[in-house]
Amino acid sequence: MTQNKEDVLVHSVYPDPDDLEALRNHFLELRERCKPGMDTHEEMFAEPMGDEI
């Protein structure tokens, strides 16, 4: 394959969806980054306001 100066190659940072072993390893790597006591996302529910009404 010849490349021009304008060509841009983009590589996925995520494993292929059909590669279960790679997905598992990716999940475990992400899980290792979480630390005990780390703030996590929590859903917040409130009454509708503004354009939600």
N, C-alpha and C. Protein backbone atom coordinates (compact mmCIF):
# COMPACT_ATOMS: atom_id res chain seq x y z
N MET A 1 0.85 -1.19 0.00
CA MET A 1 0.00 0.00 0.00
C MET A 1 0.88 1.24 0.00
N THR A 2 0.67 2.11 -0.93
CA THR A 2 1.41 3.37 -0.96
C THR A 2 0.63 4.41 -0.18
N GLN A 3 1.36 5.28 0.46
CA GLN A 3 0.73 6.32 1.26
C GLN A 3 1.09 7.69 0.72
N ASN A 4 0.11 8.56 0.73
CA ASN A 4 0.32 9.96 0.37
C ASN A 4 0.56 10.74 1.65
N LYS A 5 1.03 11.96 1.52
CA LYS A 5 1.23 12.82 2.69
C LYS A 5 -0.09 13.09 3.40
N GLU A 6 -1.19 13.04 2.66
CA GLU A 6 -2.50 13.35 3.24
C GLU A 6 -3.13 12.15 3.94
N ASP A 7 -2.58 10.95 3.78
CA ASP A 7 -3.16 9.75 4.39
C ASP A 7 -2.97 9.77 5.90
N VAL A 8 -4.00 9.34 6.58
CA VAL A 8 -3.95 9.24 8.03
C VAL A 8 -4.35 7.81 8.40
N LEU A 9 -3.50 7.12 9.13
CA LEU A 9 -3.81 5.78 9.60
C LEU A 9 -4.32 5.87 11.03
N VAL A 10 -5.46 5.26 11.27
CA VAL A 10 -6.06 5.28 12.59
C VAL A 10 -6.15 3.84 13.09
N HIS A 11 -5.59 3.60 14.25
CA HIS A 11 -5.63 2.28 14.86
C HIS A 11 -6.56 2.33 16.06
N SER A 12 -7.37 1.32 16.20
CA SER A 12 -8.29 1.25 17.33
C SER A 12 -7.51 0.99 18.62
N VAL A 13 -7.92 1.64 19.70
CA VAL A 13 -7.29 1.39 20.99
C VAL A 13 -8.05 0.31 21.76
N TYR A 14 -9.19 -0.10 21.22
CA TYR A 14 -10.01 -1.12 21.85
C TYR A 14 -9.88 -2.43 21.10
N PRO A 15 -10.00 -3.54 21.81
CA PRO A 15 -9.93 -4.84 21.14
C PRO A 15 -11.13 -5.06 20.22
N ASP A 16 -10.97 -5.95 19.29
CA ASP A 16 -12.06 -6.34 18.40
C ASP A 16 -13.18 -6.95 19.24
N PRO A 17 -14.44 -6.60 18.98
CA PRO A 17 -15.55 -7.11 19.80
C PRO A 17 -15.66 -8.64 19.81
N ASP A 18 -15.13 -9.30 18.81
CA ASP A 18 -15.21 -10.76 18.76
C ASP A 18 -14.04 -11.44 19.46
N ASP A 19 -13.06 -10.68 19.87
CA ASP A 19 -11.88 -11.25 20.54
C ASP A 19 -12.10 -11.22 22.05
N LEU A 20 -12.75 -12.27 22.56
CA LEU A 20 -13.14 -12.30 23.97
C LEU A 20 -11.94 -12.26 24.92
N GLU A 21 -10.87 -12.92 24.57
CA GLU A 21 -9.68 -12.90 25.43
C GLU A 21 -9.09 -11.49 25.52
N ALA A 22 -9.01 -10.80 24.39
CA ALA A 22 -8.48 -9.43 24.39
C ALA A 22 -9.41 -8.49 25.16
N LEU A 23 -10.72 -8.69 25.03
CA LEU A 23 -11.68 -7.87 25.77
C LEU A 23 -11.53 -8.10 27.28
N ARG A 24 -11.36 -9.36 27.65
CA ARG A 24 -11.17 -9.69 29.07
C ARG A 24 -9.90 -9.03 29.61
N ASN A 25 -8.82 -9.11 28.87
CA ASN A 25 -7.57 -8.48 29.30
C ASN A 25 -7.72 -6.97 29.39
N HIS A 26 -8.42 -6.37 28.45
CA HIS A 26 -8.66 -4.92 28.46
C HIS A 26 -9.44 -4.55 29.72
N PHE A 27 -10.49 -5.32 30.03
CA PHE A 27 -11.29 -5.06 31.22
C PHE A 27 -10.43 -5.16 32.48
N LEU A 28 -9.61 -6.20 32.56
CA LEU A 28 -8.76 -6.37 33.75
C LEU A 28 -7.75 -5.24 33.89
N GLU A 29 -7.21 -4.75 32.77
CA GLU A 29 -6.29 -3.61 32.83
C GLU A 29 -6.99 -2.37 33.35
N LEU A 30 -8.23 -2.14 32.88
CA LEU A 30 -8.99 -0.98 33.36
C LEU A 30 -9.31 -1.13 34.85
N ARG A 31 -9.66 -2.34 35.25
CA ARG A 31 -10.00 -2.59 36.64
C ARG A 31 -8.81 -2.37 37.56
N GLU A 32 -7.60 -2.67 37.10
CA GLU A 32 -6.40 -2.46 37.91
C GLU A 32 -6.17 -0.98 38.19
N ARG A 33 -6.66 -0.11 37.32
CA ARG A 33 -6.46 1.33 37.52
C ARG A 33 -7.35 1.88 38.62
N CYS A 34 -8.43 1.16 38.96
CA CYS A 34 -9.33 1.60 40.02
C CYS A 34 -8.69 1.29 41.37
N LYS A 35 -8.77 2.23 42.25
CA LYS A 35 -8.17 2.06 43.57
C LYS A 35 -9.28 2.00 44.62
N PRO A 36 -9.08 1.26 45.70
CA PRO A 36 -10.09 1.24 46.76
C PRO A 36 -10.35 2.64 47.28
N GLY A 37 -11.61 2.96 47.50
CA GLY A 37 -11.97 4.28 47.99
C GLY A 37 -12.04 5.33 46.91
N MET A 38 -11.79 4.95 45.67
CA MET A 38 -11.84 5.89 44.56
C MET A 38 -13.28 6.34 44.31
N ASP A 39 -13.49 7.62 44.09
CA ASP A 39 -14.83 8.11 43.79
C ASP A 39 -15.28 7.53 42.46
N THR A 40 -16.50 7.01 42.46
CA THR A 40 -17.04 6.45 41.23
C THR A 40 -18.26 7.25 40.81
N HIS A 41 -18.71 6.99 39.65
CA HIS A 41 -19.89 7.68 39.12
C HIS A 41 -21.14 7.21 39.86
N GLU A 42 -21.95 8.13 40.29
CA GLU A 42 -23.22 7.79 40.92
C GLU A 42 -24.32 8.53 40.19
N GLU A 43 -25.41 7.82 39.94
CA GLU A 43 -26.56 8.46 39.30
C GLU A 43 -27.21 9.43 40.28
N MET A 44 -27.61 10.57 39.77
CA MET A 44 -28.30 11.55 40.59
C MET A 44 -29.69 11.76 39.99
N PHE A 45 -30.71 11.55 40.81
CA PHE A 45 -32.08 11.72 40.35
C PHE A 45 -32.67 12.93 41.05
N ALA A 46 -33.35 13.77 40.27
CA ALA A 46 -33.97 14.96 40.82
C ALA A 46 -35.24 15.24 40.03
N GLU A 47 -35.99 16.18 40.51
CA GLU A 47 -37.21 16.58 39.80
C GLU A 47 -36.83 17.22 38.47
N PRO A 48 -37.66 17.04 37.43
CA PRO A 48 -37.37 17.67 36.15
C PRO A 48 -37.30 19.19 36.29
N MET A 49 -36.42 19.81 35.51
CA MET A 49 -36.29 21.26 35.55
C MET A 49 -35.93 21.76 34.17
N GLY A 50 -36.15 23.01 33.91
CA GLY A 50 -35.80 23.61 32.62
C GLY A 50 -36.56 22.96 31.47
N ASP A 51 -35.86 22.59 30.41
CA ASP A 51 -36.49 22.04 29.22
C ASP A 51 -36.97 20.60 29.42
N GLU A 52 -36.65 19.99 30.56
CA GLU A 52 -37.09 18.62 30.82
C GLU A 52 -38.57 18.55 31.17
N ILE A 53 -39.15 19.69 31.61
CA ILE A 53 -40.56 19.70 32.05
C ILE A 53 -41.47 19.48 30.88
